Amino acid sequence: MAQKNKILIVEDDQDTREVYCKMLSINGFKTVCAVDGKDGLEKAGKELPDLIILDVLMPVMDGFTMLKELRNQDGPAKKIPVIMLTNLSADSEDIVKKVAETGPVYYLVKAGLPLEKLIEKVKEYI
């Protein structure tokens, strides 16, 4: 039996996190969840997922800080592809600058995002 690809979902909103986990599981992925950037950073190092879905605005450690710290680590976790999700406008100069600095593989605005589009992007990067 083929091994399932593992996705780490770093999302502070429980309902959103559960929906993502369920949809990814239905589509054949194994999911690991984290509730904030600090938790996500720890789990990325331990679990070594194939992809990380990362929210931007979270308590304790935001997504940009987590991604920056992940990329500065030694070891295999620093190369894990990351899809960032936020409800912040992608038109904001500050957001565009932070995205460019941290370098996720893809950046999606959550508002009105069809789950199929998220699944499509996950499959594209795995």
PDB file of N, CA and C in Angstrom:
ATOM      1  N   MET A   1       0.845  -1.189   0.000  1.00  0.00           N
ATOM      2  CA  MET A   1       0.000   0.000   0.000  1.00  0.00           C
ATOM      3  C   MET A   1       0.884   1.244   0.000  1.00  0.00           C
ATOM      4  N   ALA A   2       0.539   2.198  -0.808  1.00  0.00           N
ATOM      5  CA  ALA A   2       1.320   3.434  -0.911  1.00  0.00           C
ATOM      6  C   ALA A   2       1.181   4.259   0.364  1.00  0.00           C
ATOM      7  N   GLN A   3       2.267   4.907   0.746  1.00  0.00           N
ATOM      8  CA  GLN A   3       2.252   5.754   1.927  1.00  0.00           C
ATOM      9  C   GLN A   3       1.542   7.065   1.604  1.00  0.00           C
ATOM     10  N   LYS A   4       0.704   7.519   2.530  1.00  0.00           N
ATOM     11  CA  LYS A   4      -0.009   8.781   2.338  1.00  0.00           C
ATOM     12  C   LYS A   4       0.938   9.945   2.559  1.00  0.00           C
ATOM     13  N   ASN A   5       0.770  10.975   1.751  1.00  0.00           N
ATOM     14  CA  ASN A   5       1.523  12.205   1.977  1.00  0.00           C
ATOM     15  C   ASN A   5       0.983  12.893   3.223  1.00  0.00           C
ATOM     16  N   LYS A   6       1.890  13.451   4.011  1.00  0.00           N
ATOM     17  CA  LYS A   6       1.529  14.081   5.276  1.00  0.00           C
ATOM     18  C   LYS A   6       1.499  15.602   5.132  1.00  0.00           C
ATOM     19  N   ILE A   7       0.398  16.194   5.596  1.00  0.00           N
ATOM     20  CA  ILE A   7       0.210  17.639   5.547  1.00  0.00           C
ATOM     21  C   ILE A   7       0.098  18.166   6.978  1.00  0.00           C
ATOM     22  N   LEU A   8       0.895  19.179   7.296  1.00  0.00           N
ATOM     23  CA  LEU A   8       0.782  19.866   8.584  1.00  0.00           C
ATOM     24  C   LEU A   8      -0.090  21.096   8.378  1.00  0.00           C
ATOM     25  N   ILE A   9      -1.171  21.192   9.155  1.00  0.00           N
ATOM     26  CA  ILE A   9      -2.081  22.328   9.085  1.00  0.00           C
ATOM     27  C   ILE A   9      -1.851  23.175  10.338  1.00  0.00           C
ATOM     28  N   VAL A  10      -1.411  24.405  10.133  1.00  0.00           N
ATOM     29  CA  VAL A  10      -1.159  25.313  11.251  1.00  0.00           C
ATOM     30  C   VAL A  10      -2.219  26.408  11.172  1.00  0.00           C
ATOM     31  N   GLU A  11      -3.235  26.294  12.019  1.00  0.00           N
ATOM     32  CA  GLU A  11      -4.415  27.169  11.951  1.00  0.00           C
ATOM     33  C   GLU A  11      -4.994  27.300  13.360  1.00  0.00           C
ATOM     34  N   ASP A  12      -5.161  28.525  13.840  1.00  0.00           N
ATOM     35  CA  ASP A  12      -5.663  28.726  15.190  1.00  0.00           C
ATOM     36  C   ASP A  12      -7.179  28.575  15.308  1.00  0.00           C
ATOM     37  N   ASP A  13      -7.915  28.761  14.239  1.00  0.00           N
ATOM     38  CA  ASP A  13      -9.375  28.623  14.288  1.00  0.00           C
ATOM     39  C   ASP A  13      -9.747  27.141  14.203  1.00  0.00           C
ATOM     40  N   GLN A  14     -10.342  26.637  15.276  1.00  0.00           N
ATOM     41  CA  GLN A  14     -10.646  25.210  15.363  1.00  0.00           C
ATOM     42  C   GLN A  14     -11.556  24.723  14.247  1.00  0.00           C
ATOM     43  N   ASP A  15     -12.615  25.468  13.933  1.00  0.00           N
ATOM     44  CA  ASP A  15     -13.546  25.042  12.886  1.00  0.00           C
ATOM     45  C   ASP A  15     -12.847  24.950  11.532  1.00  0.00           C
ATOM     46  N   THR A  16     -12.055  25.968  11.211  1.00  0.00           N
ATOM     47  CA  THR A  16     -11.325  25.972   9.937  1.00  0.00           C
ATOM     48  C   THR A  16     -10.338  24.811   9.890  1.00  0.00           C
ATOM     49  N   ARG A  17      -9.616  24.615  10.987  1.00  0.00           N
ATOM     50  CA  ARG A  17      -8.641  23.524  11.070  1.00  0.00           C
ATOM     51  C   ARG A  17      -9.316  22.169  10.833  1.00  0.00           C
ATOM     52  N   GLU A  18     -10.461  21.966  11.468  1.00  0.00           N
ATOM     53  CA  GLU A  18     -11.184  20.692  11.321  1.00  0.00           C
ATOM     54  C   GLU A  18     -11.676  20.481   9.888  1.00  0.00           C
ATOM     55  N   VAL A  19     -12.166  21.540   9.254  1.00  0.00           N
ATOM     56  CA  VAL A  19     -12.631  21.433   7.861  1.00  0.00           C
ATOM     57  C   VAL A  19     -11.461  21.049   6.953  1.00  0.00           C
ATOM     58  N   TYR A  20     -10.320  21.724   7.107  1.00  0.00           N
ATOM     59  CA  TYR A  20      -9.141  21.407   6.296  1.00  0.00           C
ATOM     60  C   TYR A  20      -8.699  19.957   6.511  1.00  0.00           C
ATOM     61  N   CYS A  21      -8.659  19.536   7.772  1.00  0.00           N
ATOM     62  CA  CYS A  21      -8.251  18.154   8.082  1.00  0.00           C
ATOM     63  C   CYS A  21      -9.186  17.146   7.418  1.00  0.00           C
ATOM     64  N   LYS A  22     -10.473  17.401   7.533  1.00  0.00           N
ATOM     65  CA  LYS A  22     -11.454  16.476   6.963  1.00  0.00           C
ATOM     66  C   LYS A  22     -11.328  16.412   5.439  1.00  0.00           C
ATOM     67  N   MET A  23     -11.249  17.575   4.796  1.00  0.00           N
ATOM     68  CA  MET A  23     -11.158  17.599   3.323  1.00  0.00           C
ATOM     69  C   MET A  23      -9.870  16.932   2.832  1.00  0.00           C
ATOM     70  N   LEU A  24      -8.768  17.194   3.510  1.00  0.00           N
ATOM     71  CA  LEU A  24      -7.505  16.579   3.098  1.00  0.00           C
ATOM     72  C   LEU A  24      -7.526  15.074   3.328  1.00  0.00           C
ATOM     73  N   SER A  25      -8.118  14.632   4.422  1.00  0.00           N
ATOM     74  CA  SER A  25      -8.235  13.193   4.700  1.00  0.00           C
ATOM     75  C   SER A  25      -9.085  12.501   3.639  1.00  0.00           C
ATOM     76  N   ILE A  26     -10.200  13.128   3.279  1.00  0.00           N
ATOM     77  CA  ILE A  26     -11.082  12.581   2.239  1.00  0.00           C
ATOM     78  C   ILE A  26     -10.322  12.434   0.922  1.00  0.00           C
ATOM     79  N   ASN A  27      -9.372  13.357   0.685  1.00  0.00           N
ATOM     80  CA  ASN A  27      -8.593  13.335  -0.549  1.00  0.00           C
ATOM     81  C   ASN A  27      -7.315  12.502  -0.432  1.00  0.00           C
ATOM     82  N   GLY A  28      -7.213  11.691   0.608  1.00  0.00           N
ATOM     83  CA  GLY A  28      -6.130  10.724   0.715  1.00  0.00           C
ATOM     84  C   GLY A  28      -4.853  11.182   1.400  1.00  0.00           C
ATOM     85  N   PHE A  29      -4.916  12.296   2.128  1.00  0.00           N
ATOM     86  CA  PHE A  29      -3.731  12.784   2.825  1.00  0.00           C
ATOM     87  C   PHE A  29      -3.811  12.483   4.312  1.00  0.00           C
ATOM     88  N   LYS A  30      -2.657  12.284   4.921  1.00  0.00           N
ATOM     89  CA  LYS A  30      -2.575  12.171   6.377  1.00  0.00           C
ATOM     90  C   LYS A  30      -2.375  13.591   6.898  1.00  0.00           C
ATOM     91  N   THR A  31      -3.085  13.961   7.972  1.00  0.00           N
ATOM     92  CA  THR A  31      -2.969  15.323   8.478  1.00  0.00           C
ATOM     93  C   THR A  31      -2.442  15.345   9.912  1.00  0.00           C
ATOM     94  N   VAL A  32      -1.675  16.378  10.183  1.00  0.00           N
ATOM     95  CA  VAL A  32      -1.195  16.689  11.522  1.00  0.00           C
ATOM     96  C   VAL A  32      -1.586  18.137  11.738  1.00  0.00           C
ATOM     97  N   CYS A  33      -2.086  18.472  12.924  1.00  0.00           N
ATOM     98  CA  CYS A  33      -2.553  19.836  13.160  1.00  0.00           C
ATOM     99  C   CYS A  33      -1.767  20.530  14.262  1.00  0.00           C
ATOM    100  N   ALA A  34      -1.637  21.842  14.105  1.00  0.00           N
ATOM    101  CA  ALA A  34      -1.019  22.698  15.109  1.00  0.00           C
ATOM    102  C   ALA A  34      -1.901  23.920  15.295  1.00  0.00           C
ATOM    103  N   VAL A  35      -1.919  24.462  16.523  1.00  0.00           N
ATOM    104  CA  VAL A  35      -2.843  25.549  16.851  1.00  0.00           C
ATOM    105  C   VAL A  35      -2.230  26.945  16.747  1.00  0.00           C
ATOM    106  N   ASP A  36      -0.905  27.025  16.603  1.00  0.00           N
ATOM    107  CA  ASP A  36      -0.240  28.315  16.434  1.00  0.00           C
ATOM    108  C   ASP A  36       1.143  28.072  15.837  1.00  0.00           C
ATOM    109  N   GLY A  37       1.849  29.145  15.536  1.00  0.00           N
ATOM    110  CA  GLY A  37       3.150  29.027  14.889  1.00  0.00           C
ATOM    111  C   GLY A  37       4.193  28.288  15.711  1.00  0.00           C
ATOM    112  N   LYS A  38       4.191  28.493  17.018  1.00  0.00           N
ATOM    113  CA  LYS A  38       5.161  27.809  17.887  1.00  0.00           C
ATOM    114  C   LYS A  38       4.920  26.298  17.845  1.00  0.00           C
ATOM    115  N   ASP A  39       3.672  25.918  17.992  1.00  0.00           N
ATOM    116  CA  ASP A  39       3.275  24.501  17.916  1.00  0.00           C
ATOM    117  C   ASP A  39       3.609  23.950  16.523  1.00  0.00           C
ATOM    118  N   GLY A  40       3.342  24.744  15.496  1.00  0.00           N
ATOM    119  CA  GLY A  40       3.616  24.335  14.122  1.00  0.00           C
ATOM    120  C   GLY A  40       5.094  24.122  13.856  1.00  0.00           C
ATOM    121  N   LEU A  41       5.930  24.993  14.388  1.00  0.00           N
ATOM    122  CA  LEU A  41       7.377  24.882  14.214  1.00  0.00           C
ATOM    123  C   LEU A  41       7.895  23.591  14.845  1.00  0.00           C
ATOM    124  N   GLU A  42       7.405  23.287  16.046  1.00  0.00           N
ATOM    125  CA  GLU A  42       7.798  22.051  16.732  1.00  0.00           C
ATOM    126  C   GLU A  42       7.355  20.822  15.936  1.00  0.00           C
ATOM    127  N   LYS A  43       6.105  20.830  15.484  1.00  0.00           N
ATOM    128  CA  LYS A  43       5.572  19.674  14.754  1.00  0.00           C
ATOM    129  C   LYS A  43       6.223  19.508  13.383  1.00  0.00           C
ATOM    130  N   ALA A  44       6.588  20.614  12.751  1.00  0.00           N
ATOM    131  CA  ALA A  44       7.272  20.529  11.449  1.00  0.00           C
ATOM    132  C   ALA A  44       8.589  19.778  11.617  1.00  0.00           C
ATOM    133  N   GLY A  45       9.322  20.074  12.685  1.00  0.00           N
ATOM    134  CA  GLY A  45      10.599  19.412  12.933  1.00  0.00           C
ATOM    135  C   GLY A  45      10.457  17.946  13.309  1.00  0.00           C
ATOM    136  N   LYS A  46       9.420  17.620  14.075  1.00  0.00           N
ATOM    137  CA  LYS A  46       9.206  16.235  14.518  1.00  0.00           C
ATOM    138  C   LYS A  46       8.570  15.368  13.438  1.00  0.00           C
ATOM    139  N   GLU A  47       7.564  15.908  12.776  1.00  0.00           N
ATOM    140  CA  GLU A  47       6.754  15.129  11.838  1.00  0.00           C
ATOM    141  C   GLU A  47       7.316  15.106  10.414  1.00  0.00           C
ATOM    142  N   LEU A  48       8.095  16.126  10.055  1.00  0.00           N
ATOM    143  CA  LEU A  48       8.622  16.290   8.699  1.00  0.00           C
ATOM    144  C   LEU A  48       7.545  16.041   7.637  1.00  0.00           C
ATOM    145  N   PRO A  49       6.504  16.893   7.641  1.00  0.00           N
ATOM    146  CA  PRO A  49       5.424  16.713   6.661  1.00  0.00           C
ATOM    147  C   PRO A  49       5.918  16.999   5.247  1.00  0.00           C
ATOM    148  N   ASP A  50       5.133  16.554   4.276  1.00  0.00           N
ATOM    149  CA  ASP A  50       5.450  16.797   2.867  1.00  0.00           C
ATOM    150  C   ASP A  50       5.088  18.225   2.453  1.00  0.00           C
ATOM    151  N   LEU A  51       4.169  18.848   3.212  1.00  0.00           N
ATOM    152  CA  LEU A  51       3.694  20.194   2.902  1.00  0.00           C
ATOM    153  C   LEU A  51       3.106  20.795   4.168  1.00  0.00           C
ATOM    154  N   ILE A  52       3.213  22.118   4.304  1.00  0.00           N
ATOM    155  CA  ILE A  52       2.601  22.825   5.431  1.00  0.00           C
ATOM    156  C   ILE A  52       1.584  23.820   4.890  1.00  0.00           C
ATOM    157  N   ILE A  53       0.383  23.798   5.466  1.00  0.00           N
ATOM    158  CA  ILE A  53      -0.630  24.818   5.199  1.00  0.00           C
ATOM    159  C   ILE A  53      -0.595  25.721   6.421  1.00  0.00           C
ATOM    160  N   LEU A  54      -0.263  26.986   6.205  1.00  0.00           N
ATOM    161  CA  LEU A  54       0.059  27.887   7.300  1.00  0.00           C
ATOM    162  C   LEU A  54      -0.792  29.144   7.286  1.00  0.00           C
ATOM    163  N   ASP A  55      -1.530  29.353   8.376  1.00  0.00           N
ATOM    164  CA  ASP A  55      -2.301  30.584   8.544  1.00  0.00           C
ATOM    165  C   ASP A  55      -1.329  31.711   8.894  1.00  0.00           C
ATOM    166  N   VAL A  56      -1.695  32.946   8.583  1.00  0.00           N
ATOM    167  CA  VAL A  56      -0.825  34.081   8.881  1.00  0.00           C
ATOM    168  C   VAL A  56      -1.086  34.631  10.277  1.00  0.00           C
ATOM    169  N   LEU A  57      -2.326  35.008  10.577  1.00  0.00           N
ATOM    170  CA  LEU A  57      -2.638  35.632  11.861  1.00  0.00           C
ATOM    171  C   LEU A  57      -3.006  34.586  12.905  1.00  0.00           C
ATOM    172  N   MET A  58      -2.100  34.418  13.879  1.00  0.00           N
ATOM    173  CA  MET A  58      -2.325  33.454  14.958  1.00  0.00           C
ATOM    174  C   MET A  58      -1.716  33.994  16.246  1.00  0.00           C
ATOM    175  N   PRO A  59      -2.228  33.536  17.393  1.00  0.00           N
ATOM    176  CA  PRO A  59      -1.621  33.931  18.662  1.00  0.00           C
ATOM    177  C   PRO A  59      -0.280  33.206  18.859  1.00  0.00           C
ATOM    178  N   VAL A  60       0.471  33.616  19.833  1.00  0.00           N
ATOM    179  CA  VAL A  60       1.761  33.049  20.235  1.00  0.00           C
ATOM    180  C   VAL A  60       2.850  33.334  19.186  1.00  0.00           C
ATOM    181  N   MET A  61       2.687  32.819  17.961  1.00  0.00           N
ATOM    182  CA  MET A  61       3.641  33.081  16.876  1.00  0.00           C
ATOM    183  C   MET A  61       2.865  33.103  15.568  1.00  0.00           C
ATOM    184  N   ASP A  62       2.988  34.208  14.812  1.00  0.00           N
ATOM    185  CA  ASP A  62       2.248  34.297  13.556  1.00  0.00           C
ATOM    186  C   ASP A  62       2.915  33.456  12.463  1.00  0.00           C
ATOM    187  N   GLY A  63       2.224  33.307  11.350  1.00  0.00           N
ATOM    188  CA  GLY A  63       2.702  32.460  10.263  1.00  0.00           C
ATOM    189  C   GLY A  63       3.987  32.943   9.619  1.00  0.00           C
ATOM    190  N   PHE A  64       4.134  34.268   9.463  1.00  0.00           N
ATOM    191  CA  PHE A  64       5.359  34.787   8.859  1.00  0.00           C
ATOM    192  C   PHE A  64       6.576  34.494   9.739  1.00  0.00           C
ATOM    193  N   THR A  65       6.408  34.671  11.061  1.00  0.00           N
ATOM    194  CA  THR A  65       7.503  34.388  11.998  1.00  0.00           C
ATOM    195  C   THR A  65       7.843  32.904  11.979  1.00  0.00           C
ATOM    196  N   MET A  66       6.818  32.061  11.983  1.00  0.00           N
ATOM    197  CA  MET A  66       7.056  30.620  11.946  1.00  0.00           C
ATOM    198  C   MET A  66       7.825  30.224  10.693  1.00  0.00           C
ATOM    199  N   LEU A  67       7.397  30.740   9.538  1.00  0.00           N
ATOM    200  CA  LEU A  67       8.046  30.378   8.285  1.00  0.00           C
ATOM    201  C   LEU A  67       9.492  30.877   8.255  1.00  0.00           C
ATOM    202  N   LYS A  68       9.710  32.083   8.753  1.00  0.00           N
ATOM    203  CA  LYS A  68      11.069  32.628   8.793  1.00  0.00           C
ATOM    204  C   LYS A  68      11.969  31.754   9.677  1.00  0.00           C
ATOM    205  N   GLU A  69      11.466  31.355  10.847  1.00  0.00           N
ATOM    206  CA  GLU A  69      12.244  30.501  11.751  1.00  0.00           C
ATOM    207  C   GLU A  69      12.471  29.117  11.147  1.00  0.00           C
ATOM    208  N   LEU A  70      11.458  28.598  10.463  1.00  0.00           N
ATOM    209  CA  LEU A  70      11.593  27.293   9.806  1.00  0.00           C
ATOM    210  C   LEU A  70      12.694  27.329   8.752  1.00  0.00           C
ATOM    211  N   ARG A  71      12.712  28.382   7.947  1.00  0.00           N
ATOM    212  CA  ARG A  71      13.707  28.509   6.877  1.00  0.00           C
ATOM    213  C   ARG A  71      15.123  28.738   7.413  1.00  0.00           C
ATOM    214  N   ASN A  72      15.237  29.242   8.635  1.00  0.00           N
ATOM    215  CA  ASN A  72      16.549  29.483   9.232  1.00  0.00           C
ATOM    216  C   ASN A  72      17.099  28.287  10.001  1.00  0.00           C
ATOM    217  N   GLN A  73      16.316  27.221  10.114  1.00  0.00           N
ATOM    218  CA  GLN A  73      16.765  26.024  10.826  1.00  0.00           C
ATOM    219  C   GLN A  73      17.723  25.208   9.972  1.00  0.00           C
ATOM    220  N   ASP A  74      18.499  24.376  10.653  1.00  0.00           N
ATOM    221  CA  ASP A  74      19.297  23.374   9.953  1.00  0.00           C
ATOM    222  C   ASP A  74      18.443  22.117   9.855  1.00  0.00           C
ATOM    223  N   GLY A  75      18.681  21.314   8.854  1.00  0.00           N
ATOM    224  CA  GLY A  75      17.951  20.054   8.739  1.00  0.00           C
ATOM    225  C   GLY A  75      16.896  20.075   7.658  1.00  0.00           C
ATOM    226  N   PRO A  76      16.220  18.941   7.492  1.00  0.00           N
ATOM    227  CA  PRO A  76      15.279  18.777   6.377  1.00  0.00           C
ATOM    228  C   PRO A  76      14.005  19.615   6.466  1.00  0.00           C
ATOM    229  N   ALA A  77      13.595  20.026   7.655  1.00  0.00           N
ATOM    230  CA  ALA A  77      12.335  20.778   7.799  1.00  0.00           C
ATOM    231  C   ALA A  77      12.387  22.120   7.077  1.00  0.00           C
ATOM    232  N   LYS A  78      13.566  22.698   6.908  1.00  0.00           N
ATOM    233  CA  LYS A  78      13.677  24.024   6.292  1.00  0.00           C
ATOM    234  C   LYS A  78      13.264  24.036   4.826  1.00  0.00           C
ATOM    235  N   LYS A  79      13.229  22.864   4.189  1.00  0.00           N
ATOM    236  CA  LYS A  79      12.896  22.796   2.768  1.00  0.00           C
ATOM    237  C   LYS A  79      11.443  22.381   2.490  1.00  0.00           C
ATOM    238  N   ILE A  80      10.656  22.219   3.539  1.00  0.00           N
ATOM    239  CA  ILE A  80       9.262  21.803   3.365  1.00  0.00           C
ATOM    240  C   ILE A  80       8.488  22.913   2.644  1.00  0.00           C
ATOM    241  N   PRO A  81       7.776  22.581   1.558  1.00  0.00           N
ATOM    242  CA  PRO A  81       6.965  23.604   0.878  1.00  0.00           C
ATOM    243  C   PRO A  81       5.828  24.092   1.787  1.00  0.00           C
ATOM    244  N   VAL A  82       5.506  25.370   1.674  1.00  0.00           N
ATOM    245  CA  VAL A  82       4.487  25.986   2.530  1.00  0.00           C
ATOM    246  C   VAL A  82       3.483  26.751   1.671  1.00  0.00           C
ATOM    247  N   ILE A  83       2.206  26.497   1.931  1.00  0.00           N
ATOM    248  CA  ILE A  83       1.125  27.287   1.347  1.00  0.00           C
ATOM    249  C   ILE A  83       0.585  28.156   2.469  1.00  0.00           C
ATOM    250  N   MET A  84       0.661  29.477   2.296  1.00  0.00           N
ATOM    251  CA  MET A  84       0.157  30.389   3.321  1.00  0.00           C
ATOM    252  C   MET A  84      -1.279  30.781   3.012  1.00  0.00           C
ATOM    253  N   LEU A  85      -2.076  30.864   4.074  1.00  0.00           N
ATOM    254  CA  LEU A  85      -3.473  31.260   3.953  1.00  0.00           C
ATOM    255  C   LEU A  85      -3.745  32.416   4.904  1.00  0.00           C
ATOM    256  N   THR A  86      -4.523  33.378   4.450  1.00  0.00           N
ATOM    257  CA  THR A  86      -4.884  34.488   5.323  1.00  0.00           C
ATOM    258  C   THR A  86      -6.170  35.141   4.843  1.00  0.00           C
ATOM    259  N   ASN A  87      -6.754  35.918   5.716  1.00  0.00           N
ATOM    260  CA  ASN A  87      -7.883  36.752   5.321  1.00  0.00           C
ATOM    261  C   ASN A  87      -7.427  38.175   5.067  1.00  0.00           C
ATOM    262  N   LEU A  88      -6.124  38.430   5.243  1.00  0.00           N
ATOM    263  CA  LEU A  88      -5.575  39.749   4.944  1.00  0.00           C
ATOM    264  C   LEU A  88      -5.543  39.947   3.438  1.00  0.00           C
ATOM    265  N   SER A  89      -5.703  41.155   3.009  1.00  0.00           N
ATOM    266  CA  SER A  89      -5.694  41.452   1.581  1.00  0.00           C
ATOM    267  C   SER A  89      -4.307  41.246   0.993  1.00  0.00           C
ATOM    268  N   ALA A  90      -4.247  40.523  -0.093  1.00  0.00           N
ATOM    269  CA  ALA A  90      -2.976  40.299  -0.778  1.00  0.00           C
ATOM    270  C   ALA A  90      -2.494  41.573  -1.471  1.00  0.00           C
ATOM    271  N   ASP A  91      -3.331  42.605  -1.498  1.00  0.00           N
ATOM    272  CA  ASP A  91      -2.953  43.857  -2.130  1.00  0.00           C
ATOM    273  C   ASP A  91      -2.131  44.765  -1.210  1.00  0.00           C
ATOM    274  N   SER A  92      -2.154  44.471   0.083  1.00  0.00           N
ATOM    275  CA  SER A  92      -1.425  45.295   1.041  1.00  0.00           C
ATOM    276  C   SER A  92       0.075  45.216   0.780  1.00  0.00           C
ATOM    277  N   GLU A  93       0.731  46.376   0.715  1.00  0.00           N
ATOM    278  CA  GLU A  93       2.178  46.411   0.456  1.00  0.00           C
ATOM    279  C   GLU A  93       2.942  45.639   1.517  1.00  0.00           C
ATOM    280  N   ASP A  94       2.505  45.771   2.780  1.00  0.00           N
ATOM    281  CA  ASP A  94       3.166  45.082   3.884  1.00  0.00           C
ATOM    282  C   ASP A  94       3.088  43.567   3.706  1.00  0.00           C
ATOM    283  N   ILE A  95       1.922  43.065   3.316  1.00  0.00           N
ATOM    284  CA  ILE A  95       1.737  41.627   3.118  1.00  0.00           C
ATOM    285  C   ILE A  95       2.582  41.151   1.938  1.00  0.00           C
ATOM    286  N   VAL A  96       2.555  41.889   0.843  1.00  0.00           N
ATOM    287  CA  VAL A  96       3.344  41.515  -0.334  1.00  0.00           C
ATOM    288  C   VAL A  96       4.827  41.434   0.025  1.00  0.00           C
ATOM    289  N   LYS A  97       5.306  42.394   0.804  1.00  0.00           N
ATOM    290  CA  LYS A  97       6.713  42.414   1.228  1.00  0.00           C
ATOM    291  C   LYS A  97       7.032  41.193   2.097  1.00  0.00           C
ATOM    292  N   LYS A  98       6.161  40.902   3.064  1.00  0.00           N
ATOM    293  CA  LYS A  98       6.407  39.761   3.956  1.00  0.00           C
ATOM    294  C   LYS A  98       6.363  38.437   3.196  1.00  0.00           C
ATOM    295  N   VAL A  99       5.458  38.316   2.249  1.00  0.00           N
ATOM    296  CA  VAL A  99       5.387  37.097   1.440  1.00  0.00           C
ATOM    297  C   VAL A  99       6.686  36.937   0.656  1.00  0.00           C
ATOM    298  N   ALA A 100       7.160  38.015   0.075  1.00  0.00           N
ATOM    299  CA  ALA A 100       8.408  37.962  -0.700  1.00  0.00           C
ATOM    300  C   ALA A 100       9.596  37.592   0.186  1.00  0.00           C
ATOM    301  N   GLU A 101       9.623  38.113   1.413  1.00  0.00           N
ATOM    302  CA  GLU A 101      10.734  37.843   2.334  1.00  0.00           C
ATOM    303  C   GLU A 101      10.746  36.403   2.825  1.00  0.00           C
ATOM    304  N   THR A 102       9.580  35.843   3.109  1.00  0.00           N
ATOM    305  CA  THR A 102       9.524  34.507   3.710  1.00  0.00           C
ATOM    306  C   THR A 102       9.434  33.391   2.673  1.00  0.00           C
ATOM    307  N   GLY A 103       8.932  33.688   1.500  1.00  0.00           N
ATOM    308  CA  GLY A 103       8.959  32.743   0.397  1.00  0.00           C
ATOM    309  C   GLY A 103       8.135  31.480   0.498  1.00  0.00           C
ATOM    310  N   PRO A 104       6.823  31.592   0.791  1.00  0.00           N
ATOM    311  CA  PRO A 104       6.005  30.380   0.676  1.00  0.00           C
ATOM    312  C   PRO A 104       5.896  29.981  -0.797  1.00  0.00           C
ATOM    313  N   VAL A 105       5.533  28.723  -1.071  1.00  0.00           N
ATOM    314  CA  VAL A 105       5.386  28.310  -2.468  1.00  0.00           C
ATOM    315  C   VAL A 105       4.114  28.878  -3.072  1.00  0.00           C
ATOM    316  N   TYR A 106       3.133  29.187  -2.212  1.00  0.00           N
ATOM    317  CA  TYR A 106       1.886  29.749  -2.712  1.00  0.00           C
ATOM    318  C   TYR A 106       1.225  30.513  -1.587  1.00  0.00           C
ATOM    319  N   TYR A 107       0.441  31.522  -1.945  1.00  0.00           N
ATOM    320  CA  TYR A 107      -0.231  32.376  -0.984  1.00  0.00           C
ATOM    321  C   TYR A 107      -1.687  32.499  -1.413  1.00  0.00           C
ATOM    322  N   LEU A 108      -2.613  32.120  -0.526  1.00  0.00           N
ATOM    323  CA  LEU A 108      -4.041  32.171  -0.852  1.00  0.00           C
ATOM    324  C   LEU A 108      -4.796  33.018   0.165  1.00  0.00           C
ATOM    325  N   VAL A 109      -5.778  33.772  -0.302  1.00  0.00           N
ATOM    326  CA  VAL A 109      -6.660  34.517   0.587  1.00  0.00           C
ATOM    327  C   VAL A 109      -7.843  33.599   0.912  1.00  0.00           C
ATOM    328  N   LYS A 110      -8.071  33.375   2.211  1.00  0.00           N
ATOM    329  CA  LYS A 110      -9.088  32.418   2.662  1.00  0.00           C
ATOM    330  C   LYS A 110     -10.514  32.824   2.321  1.00  0.00           C
ATOM    331  N   ALA A 111     -10.810  34.111   2.396  1.00  0.00           N
ATOM    332  CA  ALA A 111     -12.181  34.576   2.179  1.00  0.00           C
ATOM    333  C   ALA A 111     -12.673  34.117   0.806  1.00  0.00           C
ATOM    334  N   GLY A 112     -13.709  33.323   0.794  1.00  0.00           N
ATOM    335  CA  GLY A 112     -14.293  32.860  -0.457  1.00  0.00           C
ATOM    336  C   GLY A 112     -13.480  31.787  -1.167  1.00  0.00           C
ATOM    337  N   LEU A 113     -12.490  31.229  -0.485  1.00  0.00           N
ATOM    338  CA  LEU A 113     -11.637  30.207  -1.095  1.00  0.00           C
ATOM    339  C   LEU A 113     -12.376  28.867  -1.148  1.00  0.00           C
ATOM    340  N   PRO A 114     -12.640  28.352  -2.359  1.00  0.00           N
ATOM    341  CA  PRO A 114     -13.259  27.032  -2.443  1.00  0.00           C
ATOM    342  C   PRO A 114     -12.246  25.980  -1.971  1.00  0.00           C
ATOM    343  N   LEU A 115     -12.704  25.025  -1.182  1.00  0.00           N
ATOM    344  CA  LEU A 115     -11.803  23.991  -0.671  1.00  0.00           C
ATOM    345  C   LEU A 115     -11.148  23.203  -1.798  1.00  0.00           C
ATOM    346  N   GLU A 116     -11.839  23.099  -2.921  1.00  0.00           N
ATOM    347  CA  GLU A 116     -11.279  22.379  -4.066  1.00  0.00           C
ATOM    348  C   GLU A 116     -10.008  23.065  -4.563  1.00  0.00           C
ATOM    349  N   LYS A 117      -9.975  24.391  -4.499  1.00  0.00           N
ATOM    350  CA  LYS A 117      -8.797  25.156  -4.931  1.00  0.00           C
ATOM    351  C   LYS A 117      -7.611  24.861  -4.002  1.00  0.00           C
ATOM    352  N   LEU A 118      -7.878  24.775  -2.714  1.00  0.00           N
ATOM    353  CA  LEU A 118      -6.827  24.438  -1.755  1.00  0.00           C
ATOM    354  C   LEU A 118      -6.299  23.032  -2.020  1.00  0.00           C
ATOM    355  N   ILE A 119      -7.192  22.079  -2.216  1.00  0.00           N
ATOM    356  CA  ILE A 119      -6.790  20.695  -2.504  1.00  0.00           C
ATOM    357  C   ILE A 119      -5.969  20.650  -3.796  1.00  0.00           C
ATOM    358  N   GLU A 120      -6.396  21.399  -4.797  1.00  0.00           N
ATOM    359  CA  GLU A 120      -5.684  21.464  -6.087  1.00  0.00           C
ATOM    360  C   GLU A 120      -4.246  21.959  -5.883  1.00  0.00           C
ATOM    361  N   LYS A 121      -4.075  23.010  -5.062  1.00  0.00           N
ATOM    362  CA  LYS A 121      -2.735  23.551  -4.800  1.00  0.00           C
ATOM    363  C   LYS A 121      -1.889  22.566  -4.002  1.00  0.00           C
ATOM    364  N   VAL A 122      -2.493  21.872  -3.056  1.00  0.00           N
ATOM    365  CA  VAL A 122      -1.768  20.864  -2.270  1.00  0.00           C
ATOM    366  C   VAL A 122      -1.241  19.785  -3.208  1.00  0.00           C
ATOM    367  N   LYS A 123      -2.092  19.288  -4.070  1.00  0.00           N
ATOM    368  CA  LYS A 123      -1.673  18.230  -5.025  1.00  0.00           C
ATOM    369  C   LYS A 123      -0.593  18.721  -5.977  1.00  0.00           C
ATOM    370  N   GLU A 124      -0.646  20.005  -6.321  1.00  0.00           N
ATOM    371  CA  GLU A 124       0.333  20.586  -7.225  1.00  0.00           C
ATOM    372  C   GLU A 124       1.743  20.590  -6.612  1.00  0.00           C
ATOM    373  N   TYR A 125       1.823  20.770  -5.297  1.00  0.00           N
ATOM    374  CA  TYR A 125       3.142  20.884  -4.657  1.00  0.00           C
ATOM    375  C   TYR A 125       3.638  19.613  -3.991  1.00  0.00           C
ATOM    376  N   ILE A 126       2.863  18.552  -4.075  1.00  0.00           N
ATOM    377  CA  ILE A 126       3.313  17.268  -3.494  1.00  0.00           C
ATOM    378  C   ILE A 126       3.711  16.321  -4.601  1.00  0.00           C
TER     379      ILE A 126
END
